[in-house]
Amino acid sequence: MKLFDVYPLFDINIVKGKGCHVWDDKGQEYLDLYGGHAVISIGHCHPHYVEMLTKQLNNLGFYSNSVINKLQVELAERLGKASGYEDYQFFLINSGAEANENA
């Protein structure tokens, strides 16, 4: 089996990222200006991001939205306060398809 050919690929194999730079398998450094899906707006390998992800993954990587997850509740409360929309409801999803399915 091979990957589906969605669009032509550049002959660049990105193997590492740090801050706003990425490197290919030949050691060539690039300024990462990518603005598509799964963008890491805080930069690659940000120490706080890595620390928090590691901490969470050491406890639990993922679980269903069908059970109580206190981290999700805390996130909703914090986002409500930060945005000024505390009376709104919050639904955690990761794709447009899920948004449409649950609209």
N, C-alpha and C. Protein backbone atom coordinates (compact mmCIF):
# COMPACT_ATOMS: atom_id res chain seq x y z
N MET A 1 0.84 -1.17 0.00
CA MET A 1 0.00 0.00 0.00
C MET A 1 0.89 1.23 0.00
N LYS A 2 0.43 2.29 -0.64
CA LYS A 2 1.19 3.53 -0.64
C LYS A 2 0.26 4.69 -0.30
N LEU A 3 0.85 5.83 -0.02
CA LEU A 3 0.07 7.01 0.32
C LEU A 3 -0.70 7.51 -0.89
N PHE A 4 -1.92 7.98 -0.66
CA PHE A 4 -2.76 8.53 -1.72
C PHE A 4 -2.13 9.82 -2.22
N ASP A 5 -2.07 9.98 -3.52
CA ASP A 5 -1.45 11.14 -4.15
C ASP A 5 -2.43 12.31 -4.19
N VAL A 6 -2.53 13.05 -3.09
CA VAL A 6 -3.48 14.16 -2.98
C VAL A 6 -3.03 15.34 -3.83
N TYR A 7 -1.77 15.68 -3.74
CA TYR A 7 -1.19 16.78 -4.52
C TYR A 7 0.30 16.50 -4.69
N PRO A 8 0.93 17.15 -5.65
CA PRO A 8 2.37 16.92 -5.87
C PRO A 8 3.18 17.27 -4.62
N LEU A 9 4.14 16.44 -4.30
CA LEU A 9 4.99 16.67 -3.13
C LEU A 9 6.30 17.32 -3.53
N PHE A 10 6.76 18.25 -2.69
CA PHE A 10 8.09 18.80 -2.85
C PHE A 10 9.09 17.73 -2.41
N ASP A 11 10.25 17.70 -3.01
CA ASP A 11 11.27 16.71 -2.67
C ASP A 11 12.04 17.18 -1.44
N ILE A 12 11.32 17.34 -0.34
CA ILE A 12 11.90 17.79 0.93
C ILE A 12 11.37 16.86 2.01
N ASN A 13 12.27 16.28 2.79
CA ASN A 13 11.89 15.39 3.88
C ASN A 13 12.21 16.07 5.20
N ILE A 14 11.21 16.73 5.80
CA ILE A 14 11.41 17.44 7.07
C ILE A 14 11.52 16.42 8.19
N VAL A 15 12.61 16.52 8.97
CA VAL A 15 12.86 15.54 10.03
C VAL A 15 12.96 16.16 11.43
N LYS A 16 13.05 17.50 11.50
CA LYS A 16 13.25 18.13 12.81
C LYS A 16 12.70 19.55 12.76
N GLY A 17 12.20 20.00 13.90
CA GLY A 17 11.75 21.38 14.02
C GLY A 17 12.15 21.96 15.35
N LYS A 18 12.45 23.25 15.37
CA LYS A 18 12.79 23.96 16.62
C LYS A 18 12.40 25.41 16.43
N GLY A 19 11.51 25.90 17.30
CA GLY A 19 11.04 27.27 17.15
C GLY A 19 10.34 27.46 15.83
N CYS A 20 10.77 28.44 15.05
CA CYS A 20 10.13 28.71 13.75
C CYS A 20 10.96 28.17 12.59
N HIS A 21 11.83 27.21 12.86
CA HIS A 21 12.66 26.62 11.81
C HIS A 21 12.44 25.11 11.74
N VAL A 22 12.62 24.55 10.54
CA VAL A 22 12.60 23.11 10.33
C VAL A 22 13.82 22.73 9.51
N TRP A 23 14.22 21.46 9.61
CA TRP A 23 15.38 20.95 8.88
C TRP A 23 14.97 19.71 8.11
N ASP A 24 15.59 19.54 6.95
CA ASP A 24 15.35 18.33 6.17
C ASP A 24 16.41 17.29 6.49
N ASP A 25 16.27 16.13 5.86
CA ASP A 25 17.19 15.02 6.12
C ASP A 25 18.59 15.26 5.58
N LYS A 26 18.79 16.34 4.84
CA LYS A 26 20.13 16.70 4.34
C LYS A 26 20.77 17.80 5.19
N GLY A 27 20.07 18.25 6.25
CA GLY A 27 20.60 19.29 7.12
C GLY A 27 20.25 20.70 6.69
N GLN A 28 19.49 20.86 5.61
CA GLN A 28 19.09 22.19 5.12
C GLN A 28 18.06 22.78 6.08
N GLU A 29 18.30 24.01 6.53
CA GLU A 29 17.39 24.70 7.44
C GLU A 29 16.42 25.57 6.64
N TYR A 30 15.15 25.59 7.08
CA TYR A 30 14.12 26.40 6.45
C TYR A 30 13.39 27.21 7.52
N LEU A 31 12.99 28.42 7.17
CA LEU A 31 12.09 29.20 8.01
C LEU A 31 10.70 28.63 7.79
N ASP A 32 10.05 28.17 8.84
CA ASP A 32 8.75 27.50 8.71
C ASP A 32 7.63 28.53 8.64
N LEU A 33 7.17 28.80 7.44
CA LEU A 33 6.07 29.74 7.23
C LEU A 33 4.79 29.00 6.83
N TYR A 34 4.74 27.70 7.07
CA TYR A 34 3.58 26.91 6.70
C TYR A 34 2.35 27.40 7.46
N GLY A 35 1.25 27.56 6.77
CA GLY A 35 0.03 28.04 7.40
C GLY A 35 -1.15 27.13 7.19
N GLY A 36 -0.93 25.86 6.97
CA GLY A 36 -2.02 24.92 6.70
C GLY A 36 -2.53 24.23 7.95
N HIS A 37 -2.96 23.00 7.78
CA HIS A 37 -3.54 22.23 8.88
C HIS A 37 -2.49 21.87 9.93
N ALA A 38 -2.96 21.69 11.15
CA ALA A 38 -2.13 21.28 12.28
C ALA A 38 -0.93 22.20 12.50
N VAL A 39 -1.13 23.48 12.30
CA VAL A 39 -0.06 24.46 12.49
C VAL A 39 0.26 24.59 13.97
N ILE A 40 1.54 24.65 14.30
CA ILE A 40 1.98 24.82 15.68
C ILE A 40 2.39 26.28 15.84
N SER A 41 1.43 27.11 16.24
CA SER A 41 1.66 28.55 16.26
C SER A 41 2.66 29.00 17.32
N ILE A 42 2.96 28.16 18.29
CA ILE A 42 3.95 28.54 19.31
C ILE A 42 5.35 28.10 18.92
N GLY A 43 5.48 27.49 17.76
CA GLY A 43 6.78 27.02 17.30
C GLY A 43 7.00 25.55 17.64
N HIS A 44 7.92 24.96 16.94
CA HIS A 44 8.23 23.55 17.16
C HIS A 44 9.04 23.37 18.45
N CYS A 45 8.70 22.36 19.20
CA CYS A 45 9.46 21.93 20.40
C CYS A 45 9.56 23.01 21.47
N HIS A 46 8.54 23.86 21.60
CA HIS A 46 8.55 24.86 22.67
C HIS A 46 8.62 24.12 24.01
N PRO A 47 9.56 24.50 24.89
CA PRO A 47 9.78 23.74 26.13
C PRO A 47 8.52 23.56 26.99
N HIS A 48 7.71 24.61 27.13
CA HIS A 48 6.49 24.50 27.95
C HIS A 48 5.50 23.53 27.31
N TYR A 49 5.36 23.62 26.00
CA TYR A 49 4.46 22.75 25.24
C TYR A 49 4.89 21.29 25.39
N VAL A 50 6.18 21.03 25.20
CA VAL A 50 6.72 19.67 25.32
C VAL A 50 6.52 19.14 26.74
N GLU A 51 6.78 19.99 27.74
CA GLU A 51 6.63 19.57 29.14
C GLU A 51 5.18 19.20 29.46
N MET A 52 4.24 20.05 29.03
CA MET A 52 2.83 19.80 29.33
C MET A 52 2.30 18.57 28.58
N LEU A 53 2.72 18.41 27.31
CA LEU A 53 2.30 17.22 26.56
C LEU A 53 2.86 15.95 27.19
N THR A 54 4.12 15.99 27.58
CA THR A 54 4.75 14.82 28.21
C THR A 54 4.04 14.48 29.51
N LYS A 55 3.74 15.50 30.30
CA LYS A 55 3.05 15.29 31.57
C LYS A 55 1.69 14.62 31.33
N GLN A 56 0.93 15.13 30.37
CA GLN A 56 -0.38 14.55 30.09
C GLN A 56 -0.26 13.14 29.52
N LEU A 57 0.66 12.94 28.58
CA LEU A 57 0.80 11.63 27.96
C LEU A 57 1.29 10.57 28.95
N ASN A 58 1.98 10.99 29.99
CA ASN A 58 2.39 10.05 31.04
C ASN A 58 1.19 9.60 31.87
N ASN A 59 0.10 10.36 31.81
CA ASN A 59 -1.13 10.00 32.53
C ASN A 59 -2.15 9.32 31.63
N LEU A 60 -2.47 9.98 30.52
CA LEU A 60 -3.50 9.48 29.61
C LEU A 60 -3.37 10.20 28.28
N GLY A 61 -3.25 9.45 27.20
CA GLY A 61 -3.09 10.05 25.89
C GLY A 61 -4.39 10.57 25.31
N PHE A 62 -5.45 9.79 25.42
CA PHE A 62 -6.74 10.18 24.86
C PHE A 62 -7.83 9.33 25.48
N TYR A 63 -9.00 9.91 25.60
CA TYR A 63 -10.16 9.12 25.95
C TYR A 63 -11.40 9.79 25.38
N SER A 64 -12.48 9.06 25.36
CA SER A 64 -13.72 9.50 24.73
C SER A 64 -14.35 10.71 25.42
N ASN A 65 -15.10 11.49 24.64
CA ASN A 65 -15.89 12.59 25.19
C ASN A 65 -17.14 12.08 25.91
N SER A 66 -17.34 10.77 25.97
CA SER A 66 -18.53 10.21 26.59
C SER A 66 -18.39 10.02 28.10
N VAL A 67 -17.26 10.41 28.66
CA VAL A 67 -17.04 10.34 30.11
C VAL A 67 -16.54 11.70 30.59
N ILE A 68 -16.60 11.91 31.89
CA ILE A 68 -16.14 13.18 32.48
C ILE A 68 -14.64 13.30 32.32
N ASN A 69 -14.20 14.45 31.85
CA ASN A 69 -12.78 14.75 31.75
C ASN A 69 -12.58 16.14 32.36
N LYS A 70 -12.04 16.17 33.57
CA LYS A 70 -11.93 17.44 34.30
C LYS A 70 -11.03 18.45 33.59
N LEU A 71 -10.07 17.98 32.81
CA LEU A 71 -9.23 18.92 32.06
C LEU A 71 -10.05 19.66 31.01
N GLN A 72 -11.01 18.98 30.38
CA GLN A 72 -11.88 19.63 29.41
C GLN A 72 -12.77 20.67 30.09
N VAL A 73 -13.29 20.32 31.26
CA VAL A 73 -14.13 21.25 32.02
C VAL A 73 -13.32 22.49 32.39
N GLU A 74 -12.10 22.29 32.87
CA GLU A 74 -11.23 23.41 33.24
C GLU A 74 -10.90 24.27 32.02
N LEU A 75 -10.63 23.64 30.89
CA LEU A 75 -10.33 24.39 29.67
C LEU A 75 -11.51 25.25 29.26
N ALA A 76 -12.71 24.69 29.29
CA ALA A 76 -13.91 25.44 28.93
C ALA A 76 -14.09 26.65 29.85
N GLU A 77 -13.89 26.45 31.14
CA GLU A 77 -14.03 27.56 32.09
C GLU A 77 -13.00 28.65 31.82
N ARG A 78 -11.76 28.24 31.59
CA ARG A 78 -10.70 29.23 31.34
C ARG A 78 -10.92 29.99 30.03
N LEU A 79 -11.34 29.27 28.98
CA LEU A 79 -11.61 29.94 27.71
C LEU A 79 -12.81 30.88 27.81
N GLY A 80 -13.81 30.48 28.58
CA GLY A 80 -14.97 31.34 28.80
C GLY A 80 -14.58 32.64 29.47
N LYS A 81 -13.76 32.55 30.50
CA LYS A 81 -13.30 33.75 31.20
C LYS A 81 -12.43 34.61 30.30
N ALA A 82 -11.50 34.00 29.60
CA ALA A 82 -10.58 34.75 28.75
C ALA A 82 -11.30 35.44 27.60
N SER A 83 -12.35 34.81 27.08
CA SER A 83 -13.05 35.37 25.92
C SER A 83 -14.21 36.29 26.30
N GLY A 84 -14.63 36.23 27.56
CA GLY A 84 -15.78 37.02 27.97
C GLY A 84 -17.11 36.38 27.63
N TYR A 85 -17.09 35.11 27.26
CA TYR A 85 -18.31 34.39 26.89
C TYR A 85 -18.54 33.21 27.83
N GLU A 86 -18.59 33.48 29.11
CA GLU A 86 -18.71 32.40 30.10
C GLU A 86 -20.03 31.65 30.01
N ASP A 87 -21.06 32.27 29.41
CA ASP A 87 -22.36 31.62 29.33
C ASP A 87 -22.52 30.76 28.07
N TYR A 88 -21.49 30.69 27.24
CA TYR A 88 -21.53 29.87 26.03
C TYR A 88 -21.20 28.42 26.37
N GLN A 89 -21.52 27.51 25.45
CA GLN A 89 -21.14 26.11 25.61
C GLN A 89 -19.97 25.80 24.69
N PHE A 90 -19.16 24.85 25.09
CA PHE A 90 -17.90 24.53 24.43
C PHE A 90 -17.91 23.06 24.04
N PHE A 91 -17.55 22.75 22.80
CA PHE A 91 -17.52 21.37 22.33
C PHE A 91 -16.16 21.10 21.70
N LEU A 92 -15.39 20.20 22.28
CA LEU A 92 -14.05 19.89 21.79
C LEU A 92 -14.11 18.87 20.66
N ILE A 93 -13.62 19.28 19.50
CA ILE A 93 -13.53 18.40 18.34
C ILE A 93 -12.25 18.73 17.59
N ASN A 94 -11.91 17.95 16.58
CA ASN A 94 -10.67 18.23 15.87
C ASN A 94 -10.83 18.27 14.36
N SER A 95 -12.06 18.34 13.87
CA SER A 95 -12.21 18.40 12.41
C SER A 95 -13.49 19.10 12.01
N GLY A 96 -13.50 19.58 10.79
CA GLY A 96 -14.70 20.19 10.24
C GLY A 96 -15.82 19.18 10.09
N ALA A 97 -15.48 17.93 9.79
CA ALA A 97 -16.50 16.88 9.66
C ALA A 97 -17.24 16.71 10.97
N GLU A 98 -16.52 16.68 12.08
CA GLU A 98 -17.17 16.55 13.39
C GLU A 98 -18.03 17.77 13.68
N ALA A 99 -17.58 18.94 13.29
CA ALA A 99 -18.37 20.15 13.51
C ALA A 99 -19.69 20.05 12.76
N ASN A 100 -19.64 19.61 11.50
CA ASN A 100 -20.86 19.47 10.70
C ASN A 100 -21.77 18.38 11.26
N GLU A 101 -21.20 17.27 11.66
CA GLU A 101 -21.99 16.16 12.19
C GLU A 101 -22.74 16.55 13.46
N ASN A 102 -22.16 17.44 14.24
CA ASN A 102 -22.74 17.79 15.54
C ASN A 102 -23.44 19.13 15.56
N ALA A 103 -23.52 19.78 14.42
CA ALA A 103 -24.17 21.10 14.35
C ALA A 103 -25.68 20.96 14.49
